[in-house]
Amino acid sequence: MKKWIAIIVASIAGSFSTSAYTSYYINNTDKIGVQPGGANLGLDGPKKYKSKAELIKKYAPYKNDVDQISQGLEYNKAQMKQISKKLNKQAEEETNK
């Protein structure tokens, strides 16, 4: 399941500049629903189906990049509490000046 999440992350990360994204629906079968979305598209676009083998073939050359992005997102998520505490402390100090 982890490698499928990484594919989704790569798709989202690669599309931030256009505000477009692709949703992948995985339901423990070989078929995966693929639906484009974005600021101007909504989620009412046509849903297509691809097989896991097709997606693996398409994204295999990017595996290292996808893994790095996934690791970076996991690291950032793990640091969120600490960052939030620091920001709150800084805001408190600014308020008390």
Foldseek 3Di string as FASTA:
>chain_A
DVVVVLLQLVQVVVCPVVQKGWDWADDPDQWIWIFIDGDPRHRPGDIDIDGPVVSCVVCVVCSVVSVVSVVVVVVCVVCVVVVVVVVVVVVVVVVVD
